[in-house]
Amino acid sequence: MTRLAVVVGSVRPNRVGGTIAQWVVDQANEIEGVDAELVDIASFNLPLFSEEIPPRMAAPSDPAGAAFDTALKSFDALIFVTPEYNFSISGALKNAIDFITPSVLANKAVGLVGYSFGSGYRAVEALRDILVNFTTGVVRPQINLHLASDFENMSVFAPADFHDGEVPAMVEAMVAQDKALSVLR
């Protein structure tokens, strides 16, 4: 069984990321051997990262940061759902990632979902660059959603038909990656 966290990477009150993440969770849970769960960074009320010791050397001392780090430890694989802000990921997601100790993500399969008026490509690539630091196994299949064509009135999620099959393909690649990497954890 692959335990999969789908991390919502925005904390804005009018965000659409939660709906996208739930869509991913629902489809991932239809794949045999996958137990997917939503992890919302907003629910942790993370402060701005200001730890005295970097997470590479010690677990976060801030209670909210420690809770986020601990929550992710129990998963075998993660999917990050990120908006694209100013050609990158949201500050809230970067801040949350800064609280993660490297061992929590090391040798775990990771999937990426981006969304914006540019389909989130730059955010996904920025996130890919950040996650290489953790020795993750980021899979190549990714999902890119456009706010104009995959949302009604830019607020109601209604993915275009060509996205059918993208989540299962990404999750199946992650399951294979998880099996390969599990011997290293």
Foldseek 3Di string as FASTA:
>chain_A
DFEEEEEQQDQDPQDQSVVVSVVLQVVQVVDPPYHYDYDYLNVLVDDQDDAPDFLQVPQGPPPSLNVLQVVLQVGQEYEYEAEADPLEGDPSNVRSVRNHRLVSAALGEYAYAYEEQVQRPSHRVNVVVVCVVSNHRYDDQYHGYHQVAQADVSRHGRGDPVCVPSSVVRSVRRVVSSVVSVVVD
